[in-house]
Amino acid sequence: MTDDTPSDAHSTMLDVGAIIHSIAGLTAMALGGLMYVYDWAQLLFSVLMIISAVSAVWISAAHNSWVLGHWLAIFPVIGIFIGYFFEAWGFTAAYICLWLAFLHFIERGIAKMRQQ
């Protein structure tokens, strides 16, 4: 697992996987907060986390870039599995993992801006 960014050859093309991943992740952040108030939000949160995880795998494989942020986007699926089949705290674990992935994304963005 490296923490390198994808090659510049891919940076000029519109990356549909990255768009799907970003939209699913950001929407899941809002729904994750709502899942403690509304039951329907938990199902939507779970679906979006699965979409985000699949798109993270897709992006990682397509760019041969298995970065920490992508692994953090995949881990919430484990929490969702725990939440549905074992204990309700799995959903909270998934939500925490989502926030860790988001904070990692922000930190990487700031670090990249400082490099430039």
PDB file of N, CA and C in Angstrom:
ATOM      1  N   MET A   1       0.849  -1.169   0.000  1.00  0.00           N
ATOM      2  CA  MET A   1       0.000   0.000   0.000  1.00  0.00           C
ATOM      3  C   MET A   1       0.892   1.228   0.000  1.00  0.00           C
ATOM      4  N   THR A   2       0.732   2.026  -1.001  1.00  0.00           N
ATOM      5  CA  THR A   2       1.498   3.257  -1.080  1.00  0.00           C
ATOM      6  C   THR A   2       0.572   4.432  -0.864  1.00  0.00           C
ATOM      7  N   ASP A   3       1.149   5.574  -0.612  1.00  0.00           N
ATOM      8  CA  ASP A   3       0.365   6.781  -0.429  1.00  0.00           C
ATOM      9  C   ASP A   3       0.669   7.759  -1.558  1.00  0.00           C
ATOM     10  N   ASP A   4       1.047   7.208  -2.711  1.00  0.00           N
ATOM     11  CA  ASP A   4       1.343   8.041  -3.863  1.00  0.00           C
ATOM     12  C   ASP A   4       0.052   8.442  -4.551  1.00  0.00           C
ATOM     13  N   THR A   5       0.112   9.546  -5.278  1.00  0.00           N
ATOM     14  CA  THR A   5      -1.041   9.966  -6.053  1.00  0.00           C
ATOM     15  C   THR A   5      -0.992   9.304  -7.416  1.00  0.00           C
ATOM     16  N   PRO A   6      -2.149   9.156  -8.074  1.00  0.00           N
ATOM     17  CA  PRO A   6      -2.156   8.555  -9.402  1.00  0.00           C
ATOM     18  C   PRO A   6      -1.311   9.362 -10.377  1.00  0.00           C
ATOM     19  N   SER A   7      -0.897   8.704 -11.453  1.00  0.00           N
ATOM     20  CA  SER A   7      -0.030   9.371 -12.428  1.00  0.00           C
ATOM     21  C   SER A   7      -0.747  10.538 -13.088  1.00  0.00           C
ATOM     22  N   ASP A   8       0.030  11.480 -13.613  1.00  0.00           N
ATOM     23  CA  ASP A   8      -0.523  12.666 -14.253  1.00  0.00           C
ATOM     24  C   ASP A   8      -1.242  12.342 -15.549  1.00  0.00           C
ATOM     25  N   ALA A   9      -1.012  11.165 -16.128  1.00  0.00           N
ATOM     26  CA  ALA A   9      -1.690  10.788 -17.363  1.00  0.00           C
ATOM     27  C   ALA A   9      -3.195  10.724 -17.149  1.00  0.00           C
ATOM     28  N   HIS A  10      -3.630  10.371 -15.949  1.00  0.00           N
ATOM     29  CA  HIS A  10      -5.048  10.259 -15.662  1.00  0.00           C
ATOM     30  C   HIS A  10      -5.650  11.581 -15.200  1.00  0.00           C
ATOM     31  N   SER A  11      -4.857  12.548 -14.846  1.00  0.00           N
ATOM     32  CA  SER A  11      -5.375  13.776 -14.254  1.00  0.00           C
ATOM     33  C   SER A  11      -6.052  14.691 -15.274  1.00  0.00           C
ATOM     34  N   THR A  12      -5.814  14.480 -16.551  1.00  0.00           N
ATOM     35  CA  THR A  12      -6.425  15.338 -17.550  1.00  0.00           C
ATOM     36  C   THR A  12      -7.777  14.808 -18.022  1.00  0.00           C
ATOM     37  N   MET A  13      -8.101  13.561 -17.698  1.00  0.00           N
ATOM     38  CA  MET A  13      -9.358  12.969 -18.120  1.00  0.00           C
ATOM     39  C   MET A  13     -10.394  13.090 -17.006  1.00  0.00           C
ATOM     40  N   LEU A  14     -11.674  13.165 -17.408  1.00  0.00           N
ATOM     41  CA  LEU A  14     -12.756  13.146 -16.442  1.00  0.00           C
ATOM     42  C   LEU A  14     -12.864  11.735 -15.887  1.00  0.00           C
ATOM     43  N   ASP A  15     -12.735  11.582 -14.608  1.00  0.00           N
ATOM     44  CA  ASP A  15     -12.752  10.272 -13.973  1.00  0.00           C
ATOM     45  C   ASP A  15     -14.128  10.029 -13.363  1.00  0.00           C
ATOM     46  N   VAL A  16     -14.945   9.245 -14.063  1.00  0.00           N
ATOM     47  CA  VAL A  16     -16.303   8.967 -13.617  1.00  0.00           C
ATOM     48  C   VAL A  16     -16.295   8.255 -12.265  1.00  0.00           C
ATOM     49  N   GLY A  17     -15.348   7.351 -12.072  1.00  0.00           N
ATOM     50  CA  GLY A  17     -15.250   6.648 -10.792  1.00  0.00           C
ATOM     51  C   GLY A  17     -15.030   7.606  -9.639  1.00  0.00           C
ATOM     52  N   ALA A  18     -14.180   8.591  -9.845  1.00  0.00           N
ATOM     53  CA  ALA A  18     -13.910   9.576  -8.783  1.00  0.00           C
ATOM     54  C   ALA A  18     -15.139  10.434  -8.502  1.00  0.00           C
ATOM     55  N   ILE A  19     -15.889  10.765  -9.538  1.00  0.00           N
ATOM     56  CA  ILE A  19     -17.113  11.555  -9.343  1.00  0.00           C
ATOM     57  C   ILE A  19     -18.142  10.746  -8.561  1.00  0.00           C
ATOM     58  N   ILE A  20     -18.345   9.488  -8.944  1.00  0.00           N
ATOM     59  CA  ILE A  20     -19.279   8.620  -8.224  1.00  0.00           C
ATOM     60  C   ILE A  20     -18.831   8.461  -6.771  1.00  0.00           C
ATOM     61  N   HIS A  21     -17.552   8.223  -6.575  1.00  0.00           N
ATOM     62  CA  HIS A  21     -16.994   8.039  -5.238  1.00  0.00           C
ATOM     63  C   HIS A  21     -17.215   9.286  -4.377  1.00  0.00           C
ATOM     64  N   SER A  22     -16.945  10.442  -4.925  1.00  0.00           N
ATOM     65  CA  SER A  22     -17.089  11.693  -4.176  1.00  0.00           C
ATOM     66  C   SER A  22     -18.535  11.987  -3.813  1.00  0.00           C
ATOM     67  N   ILE A  23     -19.425  11.848  -4.787  1.00  0.00           N
ATOM     68  CA  ILE A  23     -20.842  12.131  -4.528  1.00  0.00           C
ATOM     69  C   ILE A  23     -21.405  11.144  -3.505  1.00  0.00           C
ATOM     70  N   ALA A  24     -21.088   9.868  -3.668  1.00  0.00           N
ATOM     71  CA  ALA A  24     -21.585   8.857  -2.723  1.00  0.00           C
ATOM     72  C   ALA A  24     -21.039   9.121  -1.318  1.00  0.00           C
ATOM     73  N   GLY A  25     -19.759   9.440  -1.221  1.00  0.00           N
ATOM     74  CA  GLY A  25     -19.151   9.688   0.087  1.00  0.00           C
ATOM     75  C   GLY A  25     -19.715  10.908   0.782  1.00  0.00           C
ATOM     76  N   LEU A  26     -19.846  12.013   0.058  1.00  0.00           N
ATOM     77  CA  LEU A  26     -20.358  13.237   0.678  1.00  0.00           C
ATOM     78  C   LEU A  26     -21.828  13.110   1.063  1.00  0.00           C
ATOM     79  N   THR A  27     -22.613  12.463   0.219  1.00  0.00           N
ATOM     80  CA  THR A  27     -24.024  12.260   0.553  1.00  0.00           C
ATOM     81  C   THR A  27     -24.153  11.322   1.754  1.00  0.00           C
ATOM     82  N   ALA A  28     -23.304  10.311   1.806  1.00  0.00           N
ATOM     83  CA  ALA A  28     -23.322   9.379   2.937  1.00  0.00           C
ATOM     84  C   ALA A  28     -22.959  10.078   4.236  1.00  0.00           C
ATOM     85  N   MET A  29     -22.113  11.091   4.172  1.00  0.00           N
ATOM     86  CA  MET A  29     -21.770  11.828   5.398  1.00  0.00           C
ATOM     87  C   MET A  29     -23.016  12.472   5.995  1.00  0.00           C
ATOM     88  N   ALA A  30     -23.845  13.071   5.140  1.00  0.00           N
ATOM     89  CA  ALA A  30     -25.078  13.693   5.626  1.00  0.00           C
ATOM     90  C   ALA A  30     -26.061  12.632   6.120  1.00  0.00           C
ATOM     91  N   LEU A  31     -26.224  11.569   5.351  1.00  0.00           N
ATOM     92  CA  LEU A  31     -27.161  10.519   5.737  1.00  0.00           C
ATOM     93  C   LEU A  31     -26.686   9.766   6.982  1.00  0.00           C
ATOM     94  N   GLY A  32     -25.381   9.680   7.173  1.00  0.00           N
ATOM     95  CA  GLY A  32     -24.851   9.034   8.366  1.00  0.00           C
ATOM     96  C   GLY A  32     -25.283   9.751   9.632  1.00  0.00           C
ATOM     97  N   GLY A  33     -25.301  11.063   9.584  1.00  0.00           N
ATOM     98  CA  GLY A  33     -25.792  11.824  10.728  1.00  0.00           C
ATOM     99  C   GLY A  33     -27.296  11.658  10.925  1.00  0.00           C
ATOM    100  N   LEU A  34     -28.011  11.549   9.815  1.00  0.00           N
ATOM    101  CA  LEU A  34     -29.462  11.399   9.885  1.00  0.00           C
ATOM    102  C   LEU A  34     -29.903   9.994  10.305  1.00  0.00           C
ATOM    103  N   MET A  35     -29.024   9.007  10.173  1.00  0.00           N
ATOM    104  CA  MET A  35     -29.427   7.631  10.486  1.00  0.00           C
ATOM    105  C   MET A  35     -29.711   7.437  11.972  1.00  0.00           C
ATOM    106  N   TYR A  36     -29.274   8.378  12.799  1.00  0.00           N
ATOM    107  CA  TYR A  36     -29.578   8.293  14.224  1.00  0.00           C
ATOM    108  C   TYR A  36     -30.958   8.865  14.548  1.00  0.00           C
ATOM    109  N   VAL A  37     -31.550   9.524  13.565  1.00  0.00           N
ATOM    110  CA  VAL A  37     -32.861  10.135  13.759  1.00  0.00           C
ATOM    111  C   VAL A  37     -33.933   9.435  12.925  1.00  0.00           C
ATOM    112  N   TYR A  38     -33.590   9.071  11.684  1.00  0.00           N
ATOM    113  CA  TYR A  38     -34.549   8.458  10.760  1.00  0.00           C
ATOM    114  C   TYR A  38     -34.063   7.072  10.346  1.00  0.00           C
ATOM    115  N   ASP A  39     -34.951   6.094  10.438  1.00  0.00           N
ATOM    116  CA  ASP A  39     -34.591   4.723  10.078  1.00  0.00           C
ATOM    117  C   ASP A  39     -34.230   4.584   8.599  1.00  0.00           C
ATOM    118  N   TRP A  40     -34.918   5.299   7.714  1.00  0.00           N
ATOM    119  CA  TRP A  40     -34.671   5.188   6.284  1.00  0.00           C
ATOM    120  C   TRP A  40     -33.270   5.658   5.913  1.00  0.00           C
ATOM    121  N   ALA A  41     -32.699   6.557   6.680  1.00  0.00           N
ATOM    122  CA  ALA A  41     -31.371   7.089   6.374  1.00  0.00           C
ATOM    123  C   ALA A  41     -30.294   6.016   6.547  1.00  0.00           C
ATOM    124  N   GLN A  42     -30.528   5.082   7.450  1.00  0.00           N
ATOM    125  CA  GLN A  42     -29.548   4.009   7.675  1.00  0.00           C
ATOM    126  C   GLN A  42     -29.400   3.144   6.433  1.00  0.00           C
ATOM    127  N   LEU A  43     -30.494   2.806   5.787  1.00  0.00           N
ATOM    128  CA  LEU A  43     -30.433   2.002   4.570  1.00  0.00           C
ATOM    129  C   LEU A  43     -29.731   2.770   3.456  1.00  0.00           C
ATOM    130  N   LEU A  44     -30.087   4.036   3.276  1.00  0.00           N
ATOM    131  CA  LEU A  44     -29.439   4.839   2.233  1.00  0.00           C
ATOM    132  C   LEU A  44     -27.956   5.041   2.526  1.00  0.00           C
ATOM    133  N   PHE A  45     -27.619   5.267   3.783  1.00  0.00           N
ATOM    134  CA  PHE A  45     -26.219   5.380   4.189  1.00  0.00           C
ATOM    135  C   PHE A  45     -25.461   4.111   3.817  1.00  0.00           C
ATOM    136  N   SER A  46     -26.052   2.969   4.121  1.00  0.00           N
ATOM    137  CA  SER A  46     -25.409   1.684   3.832  1.00  0.00           C
ATOM    138  C   SER A  46     -25.198   1.494   2.339  1.00  0.00           C
ATOM    139  N   VAL A  47     -26.208   1.793   1.550  1.00  0.00           N
ATOM    140  CA  VAL A  47     -26.095   1.654   0.084  1.00  0.00           C
ATOM    141  C   VAL A  47     -25.004   2.569  -0.455  1.00  0.00           C
ATOM    142  N   LEU A  48     -24.983   3.807   0.002  1.00  0.00           N
ATOM    143  CA  LEU A  48     -23.969   4.757  -0.482  1.00  0.00           C
ATOM    144  C   LEU A  48     -22.566   4.359  -0.042  1.00  0.00           C
ATOM    145  N   MET A  49     -22.433   3.765   1.130  1.00  0.00           N
ATOM    146  CA  MET A  49     -21.117   3.306   1.580  1.00  0.00           C
ATOM    147  C   MET A  49     -20.632   2.145   0.716  1.00  0.00           C
ATOM    148  N   ILE A  50     -21.545   1.282   0.312  1.00  0.00           N
ATOM    149  CA  ILE A  50     -21.170   0.180  -0.578  1.00  0.00           C
ATOM    150  C   ILE A  50     -20.767   0.725  -1.942  1.00  0.00           C
ATOM    151  N   ILE A  51     -21.517   1.688  -2.462  1.00  0.00           N
ATOM    152  CA  ILE A  51     -21.157   2.323  -3.735  1.00  0.00           C
ATOM    153  C   ILE A  51     -19.797   2.996  -3.625  1.00  0.00           C
ATOM    154  N   SER A  52     -19.565   3.693  -2.523  1.00  0.00           N
ATOM    155  CA  SER A  52     -18.282   4.369  -2.319  1.00  0.00           C
ATOM    156  C   SER A  52     -17.136   3.369  -2.247  1.00  0.00           C
ATOM    157  N   ALA A  53     -17.355   2.255  -1.570  1.00  0.00           N
ATOM    158  CA  ALA A  53     -16.307   1.235  -1.455  1.00  0.00           C
ATOM    159  C   ALA A  53     -16.007   0.601  -2.810  1.00  0.00           C
ATOM    160  N   VAL A  54     -17.045   0.284  -3.566  1.00  0.00           N
ATOM    161  CA  VAL A  54     -16.845  -0.311  -4.891  1.00  0.00           C
ATOM    162  C   VAL A  54     -16.114   0.666  -5.808  1.00  0.00           C
ATOM    163  N   SER A  55     -16.497   1.934  -5.754  1.00  0.00           N
ATOM    164  CA  SER A  55     -15.814   2.921  -6.602  1.00  0.00           C
ATOM    165  C   SER A  55     -14.372   3.140  -6.139  1.00  0.00           C
ATOM    166  N   ALA A  56     -14.104   3.017  -4.832  1.00  0.00           N
ATOM    167  CA  ALA A  56     -12.721   3.130  -4.347  1.00  0.00           C
ATOM    168  C   ALA A  56     -11.869   1.996  -4.893  1.00  0.00           C
ATOM    169  N   VAL A  57     -12.436   0.792  -4.914  1.00  0.00           N
ATOM    170  CA  VAL A  57     -11.713  -0.348  -5.487  1.00  0.00           C
ATOM    171  C   VAL A  57     -11.495  -0.130  -6.979  1.00  0.00           C
ATOM    172  N   TRP A  58     -12.524   0.366  -7.657  1.00  0.00           N
ATOM    173  CA  TRP A  58     -12.443   0.640  -9.093  1.00  0.00           C
ATOM    174  C   TRP A  58     -11.339   1.665  -9.382  1.00  0.00           C
ATOM    175  N   ILE A  59     -11.338   2.764  -8.651  1.00  0.00           N
ATOM    176  CA  ILE A  59     -10.329   3.816  -8.846  1.00  0.00           C
ATOM    177  C   ILE A  59      -8.933   3.269  -8.550  1.00  0.00           C
ATOM    178  N   SER A  60      -8.805   2.546  -7.440  1.00  0.00           N
ATOM    179  CA  SER A  60      -7.501   2.006  -7.046  1.00  0.00           C
ATOM    180  C   SER A  60      -6.956   1.051  -8.099  1.00  0.00           C
ATOM    181  N   ALA A  61      -7.820   0.191  -8.617  1.00  0.00           N
ATOM    182  CA  ALA A  61      -7.386  -0.771  -9.628  1.00  0.00           C
ATOM    183  C   ALA A  61      -7.076  -0.077 -10.954  1.00  0.00           C
ATOM    184  N   ALA A  62      -7.903   0.867 -11.349  1.00  0.00           N
ATOM    185  CA  ALA A  62      -7.720   1.553 -12.634  1.00  0.00           C
ATOM    186  C   ALA A  62      -6.442   2.380 -12.670  1.00  0.00           C
ATOM    187  N   HIS A  63      -6.089   2.959 -11.538  1.00  0.00           N
ATOM    188  CA  HIS A  63      -4.914   3.834 -11.474  1.00  0.00           C
ATOM    189  C   HIS A  63      -3.722   3.154 -10.804  1.00  0.00           C
ATOM    190  N   ASN A  64      -3.903   1.909 -10.405  1.00  0.00           N
ATOM    191  CA  ASN A  64      -2.874   1.177  -9.668  1.00  0.00           C
ATOM    192  C   ASN A  64      -2.353   2.039  -8.509  1.00  0.00           C
ATOM    193  N   SER A  65      -3.297   2.550  -7.741  1.00  0.00           N
ATOM    194  CA  SER A  65      -2.976   3.480  -6.664  1.00  0.00           C
ATOM    195  C   SER A  65      -3.782   3.112  -5.427  1.00  0.00           C
ATOM    196  N   TRP A  66      -3.280   2.162  -4.657  1.00  0.00           N
ATOM    197  CA  TRP A  66      -3.973   1.716  -3.453  1.00  0.00           C
ATOM    198  C   TRP A  66      -3.560   2.604  -2.278  1.00  0.00           C
ATOM    199  N   VAL A  67      -4.138   3.799  -2.220  1.00  0.00           N
ATOM    200  CA  VAL A  67      -3.770   4.786  -1.217  1.00  0.00           C
ATOM    201  C   VAL A  67      -4.582   4.588   0.066  1.00  0.00           C
ATOM    202  N   LEU A  68      -4.094   5.149   1.161  1.00  0.00           N
ATOM    203  CA  LEU A  68      -4.737   5.019   2.459  1.00  0.00           C
ATOM    204  C   LEU A  68      -6.189   5.491   2.425  1.00  0.00           C
ATOM    205  N   GLY A  69      -6.450   6.584   1.752  1.00  0.00           N
ATOM    206  CA  GLY A  69      -7.814   7.106   1.690  1.00  0.00           C
ATOM    207  C   GLY A  69      -8.793   6.134   1.067  1.00  0.00           C
ATOM    208  N   HIS A  70      -8.335   5.362   0.082  1.00  0.00           N
ATOM    209  CA  HIS A  70      -9.218   4.371  -0.536  1.00  0.00           C
ATOM    210  C   HIS A  70      -9.511   3.229   0.429  1.00  0.00           C
ATOM    211  N   TRP A  71      -8.502   2.820   1.195  1.00  0.00           N
ATOM    212  CA  TRP A  71      -8.750   1.780   2.201  1.00  0.00           C
ATOM    213  C   TRP A  71      -9.721   2.294   3.257  1.00  0.00           C
ATOM    214  N   LEU A  72      -9.588   3.547   3.642  1.00  0.00           N
ATOM    215  CA  LEU A  72     -10.510   4.122   4.625  1.00  0.00           C
ATOM    216  C   LEU A  72     -11.927   4.207   4.073  1.00  0.00           C
ATOM    217  N   ALA A  73     -12.063   4.302   2.761  1.00  0.00           N
ATOM    218  CA  ALA A  73     -13.392   4.320   2.147  1.00  0.00           C
ATOM    219  C   ALA A  73     -13.982   2.916   2.043  1.00  0.00           C
ATOM    220  N   ILE A  74     -13.152   1.907   2.096  1.00  0.00           N
ATOM    221  CA  ILE A  74     -13.615   0.522   2.010  1.00  0.00           C
ATOM    222  C   ILE A  74     -14.011  -0.002   3.397  1.00  0.00           C
ATOM    223  N   PHE A  75     -13.340   0.423   4.441  1.00  0.00           N
ATOM    224  CA  PHE A  75     -13.591  -0.084   5.792  1.00  0.00           C
ATOM    225  C   PHE A  75     -15.031   0.089   6.289  1.00  0.00           C
ATOM    226  N   PRO A  76     -15.757   1.158   5.928  1.00  0.00           N
ATOM    227  CA  PRO A  76     -17.131   1.274   6.431  1.00  0.00           C
ATOM    228  C   PRO A  76     -18.026   0.096   6.065  1.00  0.00           C
ATOM    229  N   VAL A  77     -17.727  -0.603   4.988  1.00  0.00           N
ATOM    230  CA  VAL A  77     -18.536  -1.759   4.611  1.00  0.00           C
ATOM    231  C   VAL A  77     -18.472  -2.832   5.699  1.00  0.00           C
ATOM    232  N   ILE A  78     -17.327  -2.949   6.347  1.00  0.00           N
ATOM    233  CA  ILE A  78     -17.201  -3.903   7.452  1.00  0.00           C
ATOM    234  C   ILE A  78     -18.139  -3.497   8.595  1.00  0.00           C
ATOM    235  N   GLY A  79     -18.180  -2.208   8.895  1.00  0.00           N
ATOM    236  CA  GLY A  79     -19.084  -1.713   9.936  1.00  0.00           C
ATOM    237  C   GLY A  79     -20.545  -1.930   9.578  1.00  0.00           C
ATOM    238  N   ILE A  80     -20.879  -1.740   8.320  1.00  0.00           N
ATOM    239  CA  ILE A  80     -22.255  -1.966   7.880  1.00  0.00           C
ATOM    240  C   ILE A  80     -22.612  -3.448   8.021  1.00  0.00           C
ATOM    241  N   PHE A  81     -21.689  -4.320   7.646  1.00  0.00           N
ATOM    242  CA  PHE A  81     -21.909  -5.759   7.806  1.00  0.00           C
ATOM    243  C   PHE A  81     -22.150  -6.098   9.278  1.00  0.00           C
ATOM    244  N   ILE A  82     -21.320  -5.550  10.153  1.00  0.00           N
ATOM    245  CA  ILE A  82     -21.486  -5.779  11.591  1.00  0.00           C
ATOM    246  C   ILE A  82     -22.833  -5.231  12.059  1.00  0.00           C
ATOM    247  N   GLY A  83     -23.190  -4.033  11.573  1.00  0.00           N
ATOM    248  CA  GLY A  83     -24.449  -3.409  11.972  1.00  0.00           C
ATOM    249  C   GLY A  83     -25.674  -4.205  11.574  1.00  0.00           C
ATOM    250  N   TYR A  84     -25.671  -4.758  10.390  1.00  0.00           N
ATOM    251  CA  TYR A  84     -26.828  -5.524   9.933  1.00  0.00           C
ATOM    252  C   TYR A  84     -26.902  -6.931  10.510  1.00  0.00           C
ATOM    253  N   PHE A  85     -25.758  -7.562  10.732  1.00  0.00           N
ATOM    254  CA  PHE A  85     -25.782  -8.971  11.106  1.00  0.00           C
ATOM    255  C   PHE A  85     -25.414  -9.265  12.563  1.00  0.00           C
ATOM    256  N   PHE A  86     -24.805  -8.307  13.271  1.00  0.00           N
ATOM    257  CA  PHE A  86     -24.362  -8.610  14.630  1.00  0.00           C
ATOM    258  C   PHE A  86     -24.799  -7.550  15.639  1.00  0.00           C
ATOM    259  N   GLU A  87     -24.219  -6.370  15.564  1.00  0.00           N
ATOM    260  CA  GLU A  87     -24.470  -5.335  16.560  1.00  0.00           C
ATOM    261  C   GLU A  87     -24.698  -3.979  15.890  1.00  0.00           C
ATOM    262  N   ALA A  88     -25.583  -3.184  16.448  1.00  0.00           N
ATOM    263  CA  ALA A  88     -25.925  -1.883  15.868  1.00  0.00           C
ATOM    264  C   ALA A  88     -24.749  -0.898  15.872  1.00  0.00           C
ATOM    265  N   TRP A  89     -23.780  -1.096  16.759  1.00  0.00           N
ATOM    266  CA  TRP A  89     -22.638  -0.171  16.810  1.00  0.00           C
ATOM    267  C   TRP A  89     -21.812  -0.227  15.527  1.00  0.00           C
ATOM    268  N   GLY A  90     -22.021  -1.240  14.698  1.00  0.00           N
ATOM    269  CA  GLY A  90     -21.293  -1.328  13.430  1.00  0.00           C
ATOM    270  C   GLY A  90     -21.567  -0.127  12.534  1.00  0.00           C
ATOM    271  N   PHE A  91     -22.797   0.402  12.585  1.00  0.00           N
ATOM    272  CA  PHE A  91     -23.121   1.574  11.781  1.00  0.00           C
ATOM    273  C   PHE A  91     -22.350   2.804  12.253  1.00  0.00           C
ATOM    274  N   THR A  92     -22.193   2.926  13.564  1.00  0.00           N
ATOM    275  CA  THR A  92     -21.404   4.032  14.104  1.00  0.00           C
ATOM    276  C   THR A  92     -19.939   3.872  13.711  1.00  0.00           C
ATOM    277  N   ALA A  93     -19.436   2.649  13.755  1.00  0.00           N
ATOM    278  CA  ALA A  93     -18.051   2.400  13.322  1.00  0.00           C
ATOM    279  C   ALA A  93     -17.879   2.767  11.851  1.00  0.00           C
ATOM    280  N   ALA A  94     -18.863   2.437  11.034  1.00  0.00           N
ATOM    281  CA  ALA A  94     -18.810   2.787   9.612  1.00  0.00           C
ATOM    282  C   ALA A  94     -18.792   4.307   9.434  1.00  0.00           C
ATOM    283  N   TYR A  95     -19.610   4.995  10.203  1.00  0.00           N
ATOM    284  CA  TYR A  95     -19.680   6.456  10.114  1.00  0.00           C
ATOM    285  C   TYR A  95     -18.359   7.095  10.561  1.00  0.00           C
ATOM    286  N   ILE A  96     -17.754   6.549  11.595  1.00  0.00           N
ATOM    287  CA  ILE A  96     -16.454   7.051  12.059  1.00  0.00           C
ATOM    288  C   ILE A  96     -15.390   6.832  10.980  1.00  0.00           C
ATOM    289  N   CYS A  97     -15.391   5.650  10.355  1.00  0.00           N
ATOM    290  CA  CYS A  97     -14.439   5.374   9.263  1.00  0.00           C
ATOM    291  C   CYS A  97     -14.633   6.339   8.100  1.00  0.00           C
ATOM    292  N   LEU A  98     -15.894   6.665   7.801  1.00  0.00           N
ATOM    293  CA  LEU A  98     -16.171   7.618   6.735  1.00  0.00           C
ATOM    294  C   LEU A  98     -15.566   8.981   7.071  1.00  0.00           C
ATOM    295  N   TRP A  99     -15.732   9.428   8.302  1.00  0.00           N
ATOM    296  CA  TRP A  99     -15.150  10.701   8.709  1.00  0.00           C
ATOM    297  C   TRP A  99     -13.627  10.666   8.671  1.00  0.00           C
ATOM    298  N   LEU A 100     -13.036   9.532   9.056  1.00  0.00           N
ATOM    299  CA  LEU A 100     -11.572   9.408   8.971  1.00  0.00           C
ATOM    300  C   LEU A 100     -11.107   9.519   7.523  1.00  0.00           C
ATOM    301  N   ALA A 101     -11.835   8.900   6.604  1.00  0.00           N
ATOM    302  CA  ALA A 101     -11.488   8.988   5.184  1.00  0.00           C
ATOM    303  C   ALA A 101     -11.608  10.432   4.702  1.00  0.00           C
ATOM    304  N   PHE A 102     -12.667  11.117   5.116  1.00  0.00           N
ATOM    305  CA  PHE A 102     -12.868  12.509   4.701  1.00  0.00           C
ATOM    306  C   PHE A 102     -11.767  13.409   5.262  1.00  0.00           C
ATOM    307  N   LEU A 103     -11.437  13.246   6.543  1.00  0.00           N
ATOM    308  CA  LEU A 103     -10.375  14.065   7.139  1.00  0.00           C
ATOM    309  C   LEU A 103      -9.028  13.770   6.485  1.00  0.00           C
ATOM    310  N   HIS A 104      -8.795  12.526   6.135  1.00  0.00           N
ATOM    311  CA  HIS A 104      -7.567  12.167   5.427  1.00  0.00           C
ATOM    312  C   HIS A 104      -7.526  12.850   4.062  1.00  0.00           C
ATOM    313  N   PHE A 105      -8.661  12.874   3.369  1.00  0.00           N
ATOM    314  CA  PHE A 105      -8.762  13.545   2.076  1.00  0.00           C
ATOM    315  C   PHE A 105      -8.442  15.038   2.211  1.00  0.00           C
ATOM    316  N   ILE A 106      -8.986  15.675   3.221  1.00  0.00           N
ATOM    317  CA  ILE A 106      -8.722  17.106   3.460  1.00  0.00           C
ATOM    318  C   ILE A 106      -7.237  17.320   3.757  1.00  0.00           C
ATOM    319  N   GLU A 107      -6.667  16.471   4.610  1.00  0.00           N
ATOM    320  CA  GLU A 107      -5.247  16.598   4.975  1.00  0.00           C
ATOM    321  C   GLU A 107      -4.360  16.428   3.742  1.00  0.00           C
ATOM    322  N   ARG A 108      -4.687  15.466   2.883  1.00  0.00           N
ATOM    323  CA  ARG A 108      -3.895  15.249   1.659  1.00  0.00           C
ATOM    324  C   ARG A 108      -4.010  16.448   0.719  1.00  0.00           C
ATOM    325  N   GLY A 109      -5.195  17.019   0.634  1.00  0.00           N
ATOM    326  CA  GLY A 109      -5.393  18.195  -0.209  1.00  0.00           C
ATOM    327  C   GLY A 109      -4.572  19.382   0.274  1.00  0.00           C
ATOM    328  N   ILE A 110      -4.555  19.591   1.573  1.00  0.00           N
ATOM    329  CA  ILE A 110      -3.771  20.693   2.148  1.00  0.00           C
ATOM    330  C   ILE A 110      -2.282  20.452   1.917  1.00  0.00           C
ATOM    331  N   ALA A 111      -1.840  19.211   2.116  1.00  0.00           N
ATOM    332  CA  ALA A 111      -0.429  18.884   1.896  1.00  0.00           C
ATOM    333  C   ALA A 111      -0.046  19.106   0.437  1.00  0.00           C
ATOM    334  N   LYS A 112      -0.907  18.752  -0.481  1.00  0.00           N
ATOM    335  CA  LYS A 112      -0.609  18.934  -1.910  1.00  0.00           C
ATOM    336  C   LYS A 112      -0.560  20.429  -2.256  1.00  0.00           C
ATOM    337  N   MET A 113      -1.444  21.219  -1.676  1.00  0.00           N
ATOM    338  CA  MET A 113      -1.427  22.669  -1.927  1.00  0.00           C
ATOM    339  C   MET A 113      -0.137  23.287  -1.389  1.00  0.00           C
ATOM    340  N   ARG A 114       0.327  22.827  -0.252  1.00  0.00           N
ATOM    341  CA  ARG A 114       1.577  23.350   0.328  1.00  0.00           C
ATOM    342  C   ARG A 114       2.784  22.993  -0.530  1.00  0.00           C
ATOM    343  N   GLN A 115       2.750  21.812  -1.180  1.00  0.00           N
ATOM    344  CA  GLN A 115       3.846  21.407  -2.051  1.00  0.00           C
ATOM    345  C   GLN A 115       3.955  22.314  -3.263  1.00  0.00           C
ATOM    346  N   GLN A 116       2.826  22.785  -3.737  1.00  0.00           N
ATOM    347  CA  GLN A 116       2.826  23.644  -4.925  1.00  0.00           C
ATOM    348  C   GLN A 116       3.183  25.033  -4.509  1.00  0.00           C
TER     349      GLN A 116
END
